[in-house]
Every structure is written in C-alpha cells, then in structure tokens.
PDB file of N, CA and C in Angstrom:
ATOM      1  N   UNK A   1     114.664 -93.600  25.451  1.00  0.00           N
ATOM      2  CA  UNK A   1     115.214 -92.618  24.545  1.00  0.00           C
ATOM      3  C   UNK A   1     115.738 -93.317  23.291  1.00  0.00           C
ATOM      4  N   UNK A   2     115.587 -92.645  22.155  1.00  0.00           N
ATOM      5  CA  UNK A   2     116.137 -93.160  20.910  1.00  0.00           C
ATOM      6  C   UNK A   2     116.793 -92.017  20.136  1.00  0.00           C
ATOM      7  N   UNK A   3     117.225 -92.282  18.930  1.00  0.00           N
ATOM      8  CA  UNK A   3     117.944 -91.287  18.138  1.00  0.00           C
ATOM      9  C   UNK A   3     117.103 -90.048  17.840  1.00  0.00           C
ATOM     10  N   UNK A   4     115.801 -90.206  17.702  1.00  0.00           N
ATOM     11  CA  UNK A   4     114.917 -89.079  17.412  1.00  0.00           C
ATOM     12  C   UNK A   4     114.609 -88.279  18.662  1.00  0.00           C
ATOM     13  N   UNK A   5     114.543 -88.933  19.791  1.00  0.00           N
ATOM     14  CA  UNK A   5     114.169 -88.265  21.028  1.00  0.00           C
ATOM     15  C   UNK A   5     115.192 -87.236  21.475  1.00  0.00           C
ATOM     16  N   UNK A   6     116.467 -87.538  21.332  1.00  0.00           N
ATOM     17  CA  UNK A   6     117.504 -86.656  21.849  1.00  0.00           C
ATOM     18  C   UNK A   6     117.503 -85.270  21.185  1.00  0.00           C
ATOM     19  N   UNK A   7     117.498 -85.146  19.846  1.00  0.00           N
ATOM     20  CA  UNK A   7     117.469 -83.795  19.268  1.00  0.00           C
ATOM     21  C   UNK A   7     116.185 -83.039  19.603  1.00  0.00           C
ATOM     22  N   UNK A   8     115.065 -83.735  19.600  1.00  0.00           N
ATOM     23  CA  UNK A   8     113.799 -83.078  19.922  1.00  0.00           C
ATOM     24  C   UNK A   8     113.819 -82.569  21.360  1.00  0.00           C
ATOM     25  N   UNK A   9     114.294 -83.392  22.278  1.00  0.00           N
ATOM     26  CA  UNK A   9     114.378 -82.991  23.689  1.00  0.00           C
ATOM     27  C   UNK A   9     115.331 -81.813  23.857  1.00  0.00           C
ATOM     28  N   UNK A  10     116.453 -81.845  23.164  1.00  0.00           N
ATOM     29  CA  UNK A  10     117.442 -80.768  23.289  1.00  0.00           C
ATOM     30  C   UNK A  10     116.886 -79.451  22.747  1.00  0.00           C
ATOM     31  N   UNK A  11     116.212 -79.489  21.613  1.00  0.00           N
ATOM     32  CA  UNK A  11     115.661 -78.256  21.039  1.00  0.00           C
ATOM     33  C   UNK A  11     114.540 -77.708  21.918  1.00  0.00           C
ATOM     34  N   UNK A  12     113.660 -78.565  22.394  1.00  0.00           N
ATOM     35  CA  UNK A  12     112.553 -78.106  23.233  1.00  0.00           C
ATOM     36  C   UNK A  12     113.060 -77.517  24.546  1.00  0.00           C
ATOM     37  N   UNK A  13     113.895 -78.270  25.253  1.00  0.00           N
ATOM     38  CA  UNK A  13     114.402 -77.801  26.541  1.00  0.00           C
ATOM     39  C   UNK A  13     115.330 -76.597  26.362  1.00  0.00           C
ATOM     40  N   UNK A  14     116.159 -76.622  25.336  1.00  0.00           N
ATOM     41  CA  UNK A  14     117.056 -75.498  25.080  1.00  0.00           C
ATOM     42  C   UNK A  14     116.294 -74.226  24.752  1.00  0.00           C
ATOM     43  N   UNK A  15     115.238 -74.340  23.973  1.00  0.00           N
ATOM     44  CA  UNK A  15     114.407 -73.184  23.651  1.00  0.00           C
ATOM     45  C   UNK A  15     113.709 -72.658  24.902  1.00  0.00           C
ATOM     46  N   UNK A  16     113.214 -73.568  25.706  1.00  0.00           N
ATOM     47  CA  UNK A  16     112.572 -73.158  26.959  1.00  0.00           C
ATOM     48  C   UNK A  16     113.542 -72.410  27.859  1.00  0.00           C
ATOM     49  N   UNK A  17     114.752 -72.906  27.977  1.00  0.00           N
ATOM     50  CA  UNK A  17     115.764 -72.243  28.797  1.00  0.00           C
ATOM     51  C   UNK A  17     116.137 -70.880  28.209  1.00  0.00           C
ATOM     52  N   UNK A  18     116.288 -70.796  26.911  1.00  0.00           N
ATOM     53  CA  UNK A  18     116.613 -69.533  26.259  1.00  0.00           C
ATOM     54  C   UNK A  18     115.501 -68.505  26.473  1.00  0.00           C
ATOM     55  N   UNK A  19     114.252 -68.907  26.271  1.00  0.00           N
ATOM     56  CA  UNK A  19     113.129 -67.999  26.484  1.00  0.00           C
ATOM     57  C   UNK A  19     113.097 -67.509  27.928  1.00  0.00           C
ATOM     58  N   UNK A  20     113.348 -68.415  28.858  1.00  0.00           N
ATOM     59  CA  UNK A  20     113.353 -68.060  30.273  1.00  0.00           C
ATOM     60  C   UNK A  20     114.439 -67.028  30.571  1.00  0.00           C
ATOM     61  N   UNK A  21     115.635 -67.260  30.066  1.00  0.00           N
ATOM     62  CA  UNK A  21     116.744 -66.336  30.305  1.00  0.00           C
ATOM     63  C   UNK A  21     116.504 -64.968  29.667  1.00  0.00           C
ATOM     64  N   UNK A  22     115.849 -64.934  28.528  1.00  0.00           N
ATOM     65  CA  UNK A  22     115.526 -63.667  27.889  1.00  0.00           C
ATOM     66  C   UNK A  22     114.430 -62.905  28.639  1.00  0.00           C
ATOM     67  N   UNK A  23     113.523 -63.627  29.269  1.00  0.00           N
ATOM     68  CA  UNK A  23     112.381 -62.997  29.937  1.00  0.00           C
ATOM     69  C   UNK A  23     112.708 -62.464  31.331  1.00  0.00           C
ATOM     70  N   UNK A  24     113.634 -63.085  32.032  1.00  0.00           N
ATOM     71  CA  UNK A  24     113.881 -62.700  33.425  1.00  0.00           C
ATOM     72  C   UNK A  24     114.249 -61.220  33.610  1.00  0.00           C
ATOM     73  N   UNK A  25     115.147 -60.640  32.826  1.00  0.00           N
ATOM     74  CA  UNK A  25     115.434 -59.209  33.021  1.00  0.00           C
ATOM     75  C   UNK A  25     114.233 -58.309  32.731  1.00  0.00           C
ATOM     76  N   UNK A  26     113.357 -58.737  31.829  1.00  0.00           N
ATOM     77  CA  UNK A  26     112.168 -57.946  31.521  1.00  0.00           C
ATOM     78  C   UNK A  26     111.165 -57.993  32.668  1.00  0.00           C
ATOM     79  N   UNK A  27     111.012 -59.139  33.289  1.00  0.00           N
ATOM     80  CA  UNK A  27     110.122 -59.262  34.444  1.00  0.00           C
ATOM     81  C   UNK A  27     110.627 -58.404  35.592  1.00  0.00           C
ATOM     82  N   UNK A  28     111.934 -58.394  35.766  1.00  0.00           N
ATOM     83  CA  UNK A  28     112.539 -57.628  36.863  1.00  0.00           C
ATOM     84  C   UNK A  28     112.521 -56.121  36.602  1.00  0.00           C
ATOM     85  N   UNK A  29     112.153 -55.704  35.394  1.00  0.00           N
ATOM     86  CA  UNK A  29     112.119 -54.285  35.078  1.00  0.00           C
ATOM     87  C   UNK A  29     113.498 -53.668  34.943  1.00  0.00           C
ATOM     88  N   UNK A  30     114.473 -54.472  34.546  1.00  0.00           N
ATOM     89  CA  UNK A  30     115.846 -53.993  34.435  1.00  0.00           C
ATOM     90  C   UNK A  30     116.225 -53.484  33.048  1.00  0.00           C
ATOM     91  N   UNK A  31     115.326 -53.593  32.109  1.00  0.00           N
ATOM     92  CA  UNK A  31     115.631 -53.183  30.742  1.00  0.00           C
ATOM     93  C   UNK A  31     114.893 -51.885  30.435  1.00  0.00           C
ATOM     94  N   UNK A  32     115.615 -50.770  30.339  1.00  0.00           N
ATOM     95  CA  UNK A  32     114.952 -49.503  30.001  1.00  0.00           C
ATOM     96  C   UNK A  32     114.523 -49.497  28.530  1.00  0.00           C
ATOM     97  N   UNK A  33     113.706 -48.535  28.190  1.00  0.00           N
ATOM     98  CA  UNK A  33     113.228 -48.413  26.821  1.00  0.00           C
ATOM     99  C   UNK A  33     114.437 -48.309  25.879  1.00  0.00           C
ATOM    100  N   UNK A  34     114.431 -49.155  24.854  1.00  0.00           N
ATOM    101  CA  UNK A  34     115.539 -49.181  23.903  1.00  0.00           C
ATOM    102  C   UNK A  34     115.036 -49.707  22.558  1.00  0.00           C
ATOM    103  N   UNK A  35     115.905 -49.747  21.581  1.00  0.00           N
ATOM    104  CA  UNK A  35     115.509 -50.162  20.236  1.00  0.00           C
ATOM    105  C   UNK A  35     115.874 -51.609  19.922  1.00  0.00           C
ATOM    106  N   UNK A  36     116.475 -52.329  20.867  1.00  0.00           N
ATOM    107  CA  UNK A  36     117.027 -53.644  20.540  1.00  0.00           C
ATOM    108  C   UNK A  36     116.446 -54.815  21.337  1.00  0.00           C
ATOM    109  N   UNK A  37     116.052 -54.602  22.580  1.00  0.00           N
ATOM    110  CA  UNK A  37     115.695 -55.716  23.455  1.00  0.00           C
ATOM    111  C   UNK A  37     114.404 -55.399  24.185  1.00  0.00           C
ATOM    112  N   UNK A  38     113.455 -56.304  24.073  1.00  0.00           N
ATOM    113  CA  UNK A  38     112.173 -56.126  24.737  1.00  0.00           C
ATOM    114  C   UNK A  38     111.046 -56.274  23.733  1.00  0.00           C
ATOM    115  N   UNK A  39     109.847 -55.967  24.185  1.00  0.00           N
ATOM    116  CA  UNK A  39     108.667 -56.051  23.326  1.00  0.00           C
ATOM    117  C   UNK A  39     108.701 -54.870  22.366  1.00  0.00           C
ATOM    118  N   UNK A  40     108.590 -55.133  21.083  1.00  0.00           N
ATOM    119  CA  UNK A  40     108.818 -54.129  20.047  1.00  0.00           C
ATOM    120  C   UNK A  40     107.530 -53.555  19.463  1.00  0.00           C
ATOM    121  N   UNK A  41     106.460 -53.508  20.205  1.00  0.00           N
ATOM    122  CA  UNK A  41     105.205 -52.956  19.695  1.00  0.00           C
ATOM    123  C   UNK A  41     105.163 -51.447  19.913  1.00  0.00           C
ATOM    124  N   UNK A  42     104.516 -50.752  19.010  1.00  0.00           N
ATOM    125  CA  UNK A  42     104.408 -49.287  19.096  1.00  0.00           C
ATOM    126  C   UNK A  42     103.835 -48.847  20.438  1.00  0.00           C
ATOM    127  N   UNK A  43     102.870 -49.602  20.942  1.00  0.00           N
ATOM    128  CA  UNK A  43     102.224 -49.237  22.205  1.00  0.00           C
ATOM    129  C   UNK A  43     103.203 -49.242  23.378  1.00  0.00           C
ATOM    130  N   UNK A  44     104.228 -50.058  23.296  1.00  0.00           N
ATOM    131  CA  UNK A  44     105.208 -50.118  24.381  1.00  0.00           C
ATOM    132  C   UNK A  44     106.061 -48.853  24.429  1.00  0.00           C
ATOM    133  N   UNK A  45     106.149 -48.141  23.319  1.00  0.00           N
ATOM    134  CA  UNK A  45     106.960 -46.925  23.265  1.00  0.00           C
ATOM    135  C   UNK A  45     106.158 -45.661  23.587  1.00  0.00           C
ATOM    136  N   UNK A  46     104.889 -45.821  23.949  1.00  0.00           N
ATOM    137  CA  UNK A  46     104.051 -44.651  24.237  1.00  0.00           C
ATOM    138  C   UNK A  46     104.546 -43.891  25.459  1.00  0.00           C
ATOM    139  N   UNK A  47     105.027 -44.601  26.452  1.00  0.00           N
ATOM    140  CA  UNK A  47     105.563 -43.956  27.647  1.00  0.00           C
ATOM    141  C   UNK A  47     106.478 -44.937  28.373  1.00  0.00           C
ATOM    142  N   UNK A  48     107.208 -44.413  29.302  1.00  0.00           N
ATOM    143  CA  UNK A  48     108.099 -45.248  30.122  1.00  0.00           C
ATOM    144  C   UNK A  48     107.279 -46.278  30.911  1.00  0.00           C
ATOM    145  N   UNK A  49     106.146 -45.841  31.438  1.00  0.00           N
ATOM    146  CA  UNK A  49     105.273 -46.747  32.196  1.00  0.00           C
ATOM    147  C   UNK A  49     104.742 -47.863  31.305  1.00  0.00           C
ATOM    148  N   UNK A  50     104.283 -47.499  30.113  1.00  0.00           N
ATOM    149  CA  UNK A  50     103.784 -48.508  29.181  1.00  0.00           C
ATOM    150  C   UNK A  50     104.879 -49.510  28.824  1.00  0.00           C
ATOM    151  N   UNK A  51     106.090 -49.009  28.636  1.00  0.00           N
ATOM    152  CA  UNK A  51     107.209 -49.888  28.308  1.00  0.00           C
ATOM    153  C   UNK A  51     107.355 -50.997  29.348  1.00  0.00           C
ATOM    154  N   UNK A  52     107.409 -50.612  30.604  1.00  0.00           N
ATOM    155  CA  UNK A  52     107.634 -51.595  31.661  1.00  0.00           C
ATOM    156  C   UNK A  52     106.434 -52.529  31.857  1.00  0.00           C
ATOM    157  N   UNK A  53     105.232 -51.991  31.773  1.00  0.00           N
ATOM    158  CA  UNK A  53     104.039 -52.826  31.965  1.00  0.00           C
ATOM    159  C   UNK A  53     103.899 -53.845  30.832  1.00  0.00           C
ATOM    160  N   UNK A  54     104.031 -53.402  29.604  1.00  0.00           N
ATOM    161  CA  UNK A  54     103.872 -54.302  28.460  1.00  0.00           C
ATOM    162  C   UNK A  54     105.010 -55.311  28.401  1.00  0.00           C
ATOM    163  N   UNK A  55     106.217 -54.885  28.684  1.00  0.00           N
ATOM    164  CA  UNK A  55     107.343 -55.818  28.685  1.00  0.00           C
ATOM    165  C   UNK A  55     107.239 -56.838  29.814  1.00  0.00           C
ATOM    166  N   UNK A  56     106.759 -56.425  30.960  1.00  0.00           N
ATOM    167  CA  UNK A  56     106.581 -57.376  32.066  1.00  0.00           C
ATOM    168  C   UNK A  56     105.521 -58.414  31.696  1.00  0.00           C
ATOM    169  N   UNK A  57     104.423 -57.954  31.099  1.00  0.00           N
ATOM    170  CA  UNK A  57     103.379 -58.883  30.671  1.00  0.00           C
ATOM    171  C   UNK A  57     103.928 -59.865  29.634  1.00  0.00           C
ATOM    172  N   UNK A  58     104.625 -59.343  28.635  1.00  0.00           N
ATOM    173  CA  UNK A  58     105.209 -60.197  27.600  1.00  0.00           C
ATOM    174  C   UNK A  58     106.208 -61.191  28.168  1.00  0.00           C
ATOM    175  N   UNK A  59     106.977 -60.751  29.139  1.00  0.00           N
ATOM    176  CA  UNK A  59     107.954 -61.652  29.763  1.00  0.00           C
ATOM    177  C   UNK A  59     107.254 -62.777  30.513  1.00  0.00           C
ATOM    178  N   UNK A  60     106.167 -62.467  31.204  1.00  0.00           N
ATOM    179  CA  UNK A  60     105.433 -63.531  31.904  1.00  0.00           C
ATOM    180  C   UNK A  60     104.815 -64.517  30.911  1.00  0.00           C
ATOM    181  N   UNK A  61     104.371 -64.012  29.778  1.00  0.00           N
ATOM    182  CA  UNK A  61     103.872 -64.911  28.733  1.00  0.00           C
ATOM    183  C   UNK A  61     104.988 -65.843  28.271  1.00  0.00           C
ATOM    184  N   UNK A  62     106.159 -65.287  28.064  1.00  0.00           N
ATOM    185  CA  UNK A  62     107.305 -66.084  27.612  1.00  0.00           C
ATOM    186  C   UNK A  62     107.730 -67.095  28.674  1.00  0.00           C
ATOM    187  N   UNK A  63     107.680 -66.699  29.928  1.00  0.00           N
ATOM    188  CA  UNK A  63     108.024 -67.623  31.010  1.00  0.00           C
ATOM    189  C   UNK A  63     107.028 -68.773  31.069  1.00  0.00           C
ATOM    190  N   UNK A  64     105.752 -68.472  30.898  1.00  0.00           N
ATOM    191  CA  UNK A  64     104.727 -69.533  30.896  1.00  0.00           C
ATOM    192  C   UNK A  64     105.017 -70.558  29.808  1.00  0.00           C
ATOM    193  N   UNK A  65     105.342 -70.072  28.620  1.00  0.00           N
ATOM    194  CA  UNK A  65     105.648 -70.986  27.525  1.00  0.00           C
ATOM    195  C   UNK A  65     106.991 -71.683  27.730  1.00  0.00           C
ATOM    196  N   UNK A  66     107.896 -71.046  28.447  1.00  0.00           N
ATOM    197  CA  UNK A  66     109.179 -71.689  28.758  1.00  0.00           C
ATOM    198  C   UNK A  66     108.966 -72.943  29.588  1.00  0.00           C
ATOM    199  N   UNK A  67     108.063 -72.843  30.541  1.00  0.00           N
ATOM    200  CA  UNK A  67     107.752 -74.005  31.377  1.00  0.00           C
ATOM    201  C   UNK A  67     107.178 -75.127  30.513  1.00  0.00           C
ATOM    202  N   UNK A  68     106.285 -74.769  29.610  1.00  0.00           N
ATOM    203  CA  UNK A  68     105.704 -75.770  28.702  1.00  0.00           C
ATOM    204  C   UNK A  68     106.805 -76.434  27.876  1.00  0.00           C
ATOM    205  N   UNK A  69     107.721 -75.635  27.346  1.00  0.00           N
ATOM    206  CA  UNK A  69     108.804 -76.185  26.523  1.00  0.00           C
ATOM    207  C   UNK A  69     109.748 -77.064  27.332  1.00  0.00           C
ATOM    208  N   UNK A  70     110.054 -76.668  28.552  1.00  0.00           N
ATOM    209  CA  UNK A  70     110.934 -77.487  29.400  1.00  0.00           C
ATOM    210  C   UNK A  70     110.286 -78.827  29.732  1.00  0.00           C
ATOM    211  N   UNK A  71     109.004 -78.801  30.065  1.00  0.00           N
ATOM    212  CA  UNK A  71     108.288 -80.051  30.354  1.00  0.00           C
ATOM    213  C   UNK A  71     108.198 -80.920  29.104  1.00  0.00           C
ATOM    214  N   UNK A  72     107.919 -80.298  27.957  1.00  0.00           N
ATOM    215  CA  UNK A  72     107.862 -81.045  26.691  1.00  0.00           C
ATOM    216  C   UNK A  72     109.222 -81.645  26.361  1.00  0.00           C
ATOM    217  N   UNK A  73     110.298 -80.909  26.647  1.00  0.00           N
ATOM    218  CA  UNK A  73     111.639 -81.429  26.409  1.00  0.00           C
ATOM    219  C   UNK A  73     111.947 -82.640  27.270  1.00  0.00           C
ATOM    220  N   UNK A  74     111.531 -82.576  28.530  1.00  0.00           N
ATOM    221  CA  UNK A  74     111.742 -83.736  29.408  1.00  0.00           C
ATOM    222  C   UNK A  74     110.909 -84.924  28.937  1.00  0.00           C
ATOM    223  N   UNK A  75     109.680 -84.649  28.513  1.00  0.00           N
ATOM    224  CA  UNK A  75     108.837 -85.723  28.008  1.00  0.00           C
ATOM    225  C   UNK A  75     109.397 -86.335  26.737  1.00  0.00           C
ATOM    226  N   UNK A  76     109.888 -85.488  25.847  1.00  0.00           N
ATOM    227  CA  UNK A  76     110.461 -85.991  24.588  1.00  0.00           C
ATOM    228  C   UNK A  76     111.703 -86.839  24.847  1.00  0.00           C
ATOM    229  N   UNK A  77     112.433 -86.516  25.875  1.00  0.00           N
ATOM    230  CA  UNK A  77     113.639 -87.286  26.202  1.00  0.00           C
ATOM    231  C   UNK A  77     113.291 -88.715  26.626  1.00  0.00           C
ATOM    232  N   UNK A  78     112.210 -88.864  27.376  1.00  0.00           N
ATOM    233  CA  UNK A  78     111.874 -90.174  27.918  1.00  0.00           C
ATOM    234  C   UNK A  78     110.920 -90.984  27.050  1.00  0.00           C
ATOM    235  N   UNK A  79     110.253 -90.344  26.116  1.00  0.00           N
ATOM    236  CA  UNK A  79     109.303 -91.069  25.272  1.00  0.00           C
ATOM    237  C   UNK A  79     109.998 -91.656  24.050  1.00  0.00           C
ATOM    238  N   UNK A  80     109.582 -92.830  23.638  1.00  0.00           N
ATOM    239  CA  UNK A  80     110.159 -93.430  22.425  1.00  0.00           C
ATOM    240  C   UNK A  80     109.501 -92.831  21.180  1.00  0.00           C
ATOM    241  N   UNK A  81     110.050 -91.746  20.692  1.00  0.00           N
ATOM    242  CA  UNK A  81     109.465 -91.052  19.548  1.00  0.00           C
ATOM    243  C   UNK A  81     110.020 -91.589  18.241  1.00  0.00           C
ATOM    244  N   UNK A  82     109.146 -91.704  17.271  1.00  0.00           N
ATOM    245  CA  UNK A  82     109.579 -92.119  15.946  1.00  0.00           C
ATOM    246  C   UNK A  82     109.993 -90.901  15.127  1.00  0.00           C
ATOM    247  N   UNK A  83     110.578 -91.116  13.964  1.00  0.00           N
ATOM    248  CA  UNK A  83     111.043 -89.996  13.131  1.00  0.00           C
ATOM    249  C   UNK A  83     109.925 -89.074  12.660  1.00  0.00           C
ATOM    250  N   UNK A  84     108.702 -89.576  12.595  1.00  0.00           N
ATOM    251  CA  UNK A  84     107.589 -88.736  12.157  1.00  0.00           C
ATOM    252  C   UNK A  84     107.216 -87.671  13.196  1.00  0.00           C
ATOM    253  N   UNK A  85     107.725 -87.770  14.403  1.00  0.00           N
ATOM    254  CA  UNK A  85     107.469 -86.788  15.455  1.00  0.00           C
ATOM    255  C   UNK A  85     108.469 -85.637  15.445  1.00  0.00           C
ATOM    256  N   UNK A  86     109.595 -85.809  14.789  1.00  0.00           N
ATOM    257  CA  UNK A  86     110.684 -84.843  14.890  1.00  0.00           C
ATOM    258  C   UNK A  86     110.298 -83.446  14.388  1.00  0.00           C
ATOM    259  N   UNK A  87     109.788 -83.341  13.189  1.00  0.00           N
ATOM    260  CA  UNK A  87     109.464 -82.028  12.629  1.00  0.00           C
ATOM    261  C   UNK A  87     108.360 -81.329  13.424  1.00  0.00           C
ATOM    262  N   UNK A  88     107.247 -82.000  13.758  1.00  0.00           N
ATOM    263  CA  UNK A  88     106.233 -81.302  14.562  1.00  0.00           C
ATOM    264  C   UNK A  88     106.777 -80.816  15.910  1.00  0.00           C
ATOM    265  N   UNK A  89     107.600 -81.609  16.553  1.00  0.00           N
ATOM    266  CA  UNK A  89     108.146 -81.185  17.847  1.00  0.00           C
ATOM    267  C   UNK A  89     109.109 -80.014  17.702  1.00  0.00           C
ATOM    268  N   UNK A  90     109.816 -79.949  16.608  1.00  0.00           N
ATOM    269  CA  UNK A  90     110.748 -78.849  16.406  1.00  0.00           C
ATOM    270  C   UNK A  90     110.038 -77.540  16.062  1.00  0.00           C
ATOM    271  N   UNK A  91     108.767 -77.612  15.663  1.00  0.00           N
ATOM    272  CA  UNK A  91     107.978 -76.413  15.410  1.00  0.00           C
ATOM    273  C   UNK A  91     107.374 -75.823  16.685  1.00  0.00           C
ATOM    274  N   UNK A  92     107.351 -76.588  17.755  1.00  0.00           N
ATOM    275  CA  UNK A  92     106.727 -76.147  19.000  1.00  0.00           C
ATOM    276  C   UNK A  92     107.355 -74.862  19.553  1.00  0.00           C
ATOM    277  N   UNK A  93     108.689 -74.697  19.581  1.00  0.00           N
ATOM    278  CA  UNK A  93     109.240 -73.428  20.087  1.00  0.00           C
ATOM    279  C   UNK A  93     108.785 -72.212  19.283  1.00  0.00           C
ATOM    280  N   UNK A  94     108.699 -72.339  17.975  1.00  0.00           N
ATOM    281  CA  UNK A  94     108.224 -71.220  17.153  1.00  0.00           C
ATOM    282  C   UNK A  94     106.763 -70.904  17.460  1.00  0.00           C
ATOM    283  N   UNK A  95     105.964 -71.939  17.648  1.00  0.00           N
ATOM    284  CA  UNK A  95     104.556 -71.729  17.995  1.00  0.00           C
ATOM    285  C   UNK A  95     104.419 -71.104  19.380  1.00  0.00           C
ATOM    286  N   UNK A  96     105.279 -71.494  20.298  1.00  0.00           N
ATOM    287  CA  UNK A  96     105.255 -70.911  21.649  1.00  0.00           C
ATOM    288  C   UNK A  96     105.618 -69.429  21.595  1.00  0.00           C
ATOM    289  N   UNK A  97     106.622 -69.077  20.826  1.00  0.00           N
ATOM    290  CA  UNK A  97     107.016 -67.674  20.683  1.00  0.00           C
ATOM    291  C   UNK A  97     105.893 -66.874  20.025  1.00  0.00           C
ATOM    292  N   UNK A  98     105.260 -67.455  19.020  1.00  0.00           N
ATOM    293  CA  UNK A  98     104.154 -66.791  18.342  1.00  0.00           C
ATOM    294  C   UNK A  98     102.975 -66.580  19.297  1.00  0.00           C
ATOM    295  N   UNK A  99     102.616 -67.592  20.055  1.00  0.00           N
ATOM    296  CA  UNK A  99     101.510 -67.473  21.007  1.00  0.00           C
ATOM    297  C   UNK A  99     101.806 -66.411  22.059  1.00  0.00           C
ATOM    298  N   UNK A 100     103.030 -66.380  22.539  1.00  0.00           N
ATOM    299  CA  UNK A 100     103.435 -65.384  23.524  1.00  0.00           C
ATOM    300  C   UNK A 100     103.347 -63.979  22.930  1.00  0.00           C
ATOM    301  N   UNK A 101     103.841 -63.834  21.716  1.00  0.00           N
ATOM    302  CA  UNK A 101     103.799 -62.544  21.047  1.00  0.00           C
ATOM    303  C   UNK A 101     102.384 -62.062  20.772  1.00  0.00           C
ATOM    304  N   UNK A 102     101.519 -62.969  20.344  1.00  0.00           N
ATOM    305  CA  UNK A 102     100.126 -62.591  20.063  1.00  0.00           C
ATOM    306  C   UNK A 102      99.390 -62.175  21.327  1.00  0.00           C
ATOM    307  N   UNK A 103      99.596 -62.900  22.405  1.00  0.00           N
ATOM    308  CA  UNK A 103      98.955 -62.541  23.674  1.00  0.00           C
ATOM    309  C   UNK A 103      99.433 -61.170  24.149  1.00  0.00           C
ATOM    310  N   UNK A 104     100.716 -60.910  23.993  1.00  0.00           N
ATOM    311  CA  UNK A 104     101.273 -59.622  24.399  1.00  0.00           C
ATOM    312  C   UNK A 104     100.761 -58.504  23.503  1.00  0.00           C
ATOM    313  N   UNK A 105     100.643 -58.768  22.217  1.00  0.00           N
ATOM    314  CA  UNK A 105     100.110 -57.781  21.277  1.00  0.00           C
ATOM    315  C   UNK A 105      98.671 -57.414  21.633  1.00  0.00           C
ATOM    316  N   UNK A 106      97.877 -58.410  21.928  1.00  0.00           N
ATOM    317  CA  UNK A 106      96.481 -58.156  22.334  1.00  0.00           C
ATOM    318  C   UNK A 106      96.429 -57.328  23.610  1.00  0.00           C
ATOM    319  N   UNK A 107      97.313 -57.662  24.562  1.00  0.00           N
ATOM    320  CA  UNK A 107      97.374 -56.906  25.813  1.00  0.00           C
ATOM    321  C   UNK A 107      97.749 -55.444  25.541  1.00  0.00           C
ATOM    322  N   UNK A 108      98.748 -55.232  24.700  1.00  0.00           N
ATOM    323  CA  UNK A 108      99.208 -53.875  24.391  1.00  0.00           C
ATOM    324  C   UNK A 108      98.104 -53.071  23.699  1.00  0.00           C
ATOM    325  N   UNK A 109      97.410 -53.688  22.753  1.00  0.00           N
ATOM    326  CA  UNK A 109      96.314 -53.009  22.054  1.00  0.00           C
ATOM    327  C   UNK A 109      95.180 -52.665  23.011  1.00  0.00           C
ATOM    328  N   UNK A 110      94.833 -53.607  23.879  1.00  0.00           N
ATOM    329  CA  UNK A 110      93.770 -53.388  24.848  1.00  0.00           C
ATOM    330  C   UNK A 110      94.154 -52.247  25.804  1.00  0.00           C
ATOM    331  N   UNK A 111      95.396 -52.240  26.226  1.00  0.00           N
ATOM    332  CA  UNK A 111      95.889 -51.186  27.107  1.00  0.00           C
ATOM    333  C   UNK A 111      95.849 -49.822  26.406  1.00  0.00           C
ATOM    334  N   UNK A 112      96.228 -49.785  25.142  1.00  0.00           N
ATOM    335  CA  UNK A 112      96.213 -48.532  24.386  1.00  0.00           C
ATOM    336  C   UNK A 112      94.786 -48.015  24.208  1.00  0.00           C
ATOM    337  N   UNK A 113      93.861 -48.923  23.913  1.00  0.00           N
ATOM    338  CA  UNK A 113      92.452 -48.513  23.751  1.00  0.00           C
ATOM    339  C   UNK A 113      91.894 -47.968  25.063  1.00  0.00           C
ATOM    340  N   UNK A 114      92.241 -48.599  26.174  1.00  0.00           N
ATOM    341  CA  UNK A 114      91.749 -48.143  27.468  1.00  0.00           C
ATOM    342  C   UNK A 114      92.320 -46.771  27.816  1.00  0.00           C
ATOM    343  N   UNK A 115      93.534 -46.476  27.358  1.00  0.00           N
ATOM    344  CA  UNK A 115      94.162 -45.193  27.631  1.00  0.00           C
ATOM    345  C   UNK A 115      93.615 -44.063  26.791  1.00  0.00           C
ATOM    346  N   UNK A 116      92.966 -44.376  25.677  1.00  0.00           N
ATOM    347  CA  UNK A 116      92.425 -43.353  24.780  1.00  0.00           C
ATOM    348  C   UNK A 116      91.139 -42.747  25.320  1.00  0.00           C
ATOM    349  N   UNK A 117      90.460 -43.459  26.174  1.00  0.00           N
ATOM    350  CA  UNK A 117      89.162 -42.995  26.674  1.00  0.00           C
ATOM    351  C   UNK A 117      89.295 -41.946  27.714  1.00  0.00           C
TER     352      UNK A 117
END
C-alpha cells in the first residue's frame, strides 16, 4: 500500500458498500412506489407490479456492480498504485452506476414493449 492506494481503495470499497446498502431494500421489495427512492424510469410507474419487478432487477444490477467495486477496492489497497492510477480508479464507481442504470433501462424498455403486444 502507498499514499495513492489508500484513497482509491476507500472510494472503491465505500462506493461498493453504499450501492449494496441502497440495493438491499429494493431487492427485498420493501420500497413501495414513491417519488424519491428506487428506479426512476417511466416504465416502473406503469403499475405496482412493474415497480417491484423493475426495481428488483435494478437492485440486482447494483449488487453485481457492488461486488466488483468491493473486490476492486481490496485490490487497490494491496497493489502499489502510482498517482496516474488515481483518477481512472475514482471514475469506476460512476461507470458502475451508469452500467447498472443502462442495463435496468434496457430491461424496463423491453418489459414495456412486451406488455404492449
């Protein structure tokens, strides 16, 4: 570990833990349809059933990326990273959130199209 490794490891692992904690209530189906917490796509508001299905899918996507971030955080802690690695590693949580959101958006759109037929 060096001076660059510690902040990168903390941001990666901390983001992974935060994503995990945010996703668990959605996976459990404990969050009813609301305007503040959950997947915010129009398709999720089509019905109560759609809300829970799309939010559960999105939560599993977030959990998958949480595992990646936690493992990356542990790796960053033990690897001797130079300063040129800091910025790319700090972008990883944003990319993970984006990938999770895009996968969920595609799922919601596909589900909506299947329901129209």
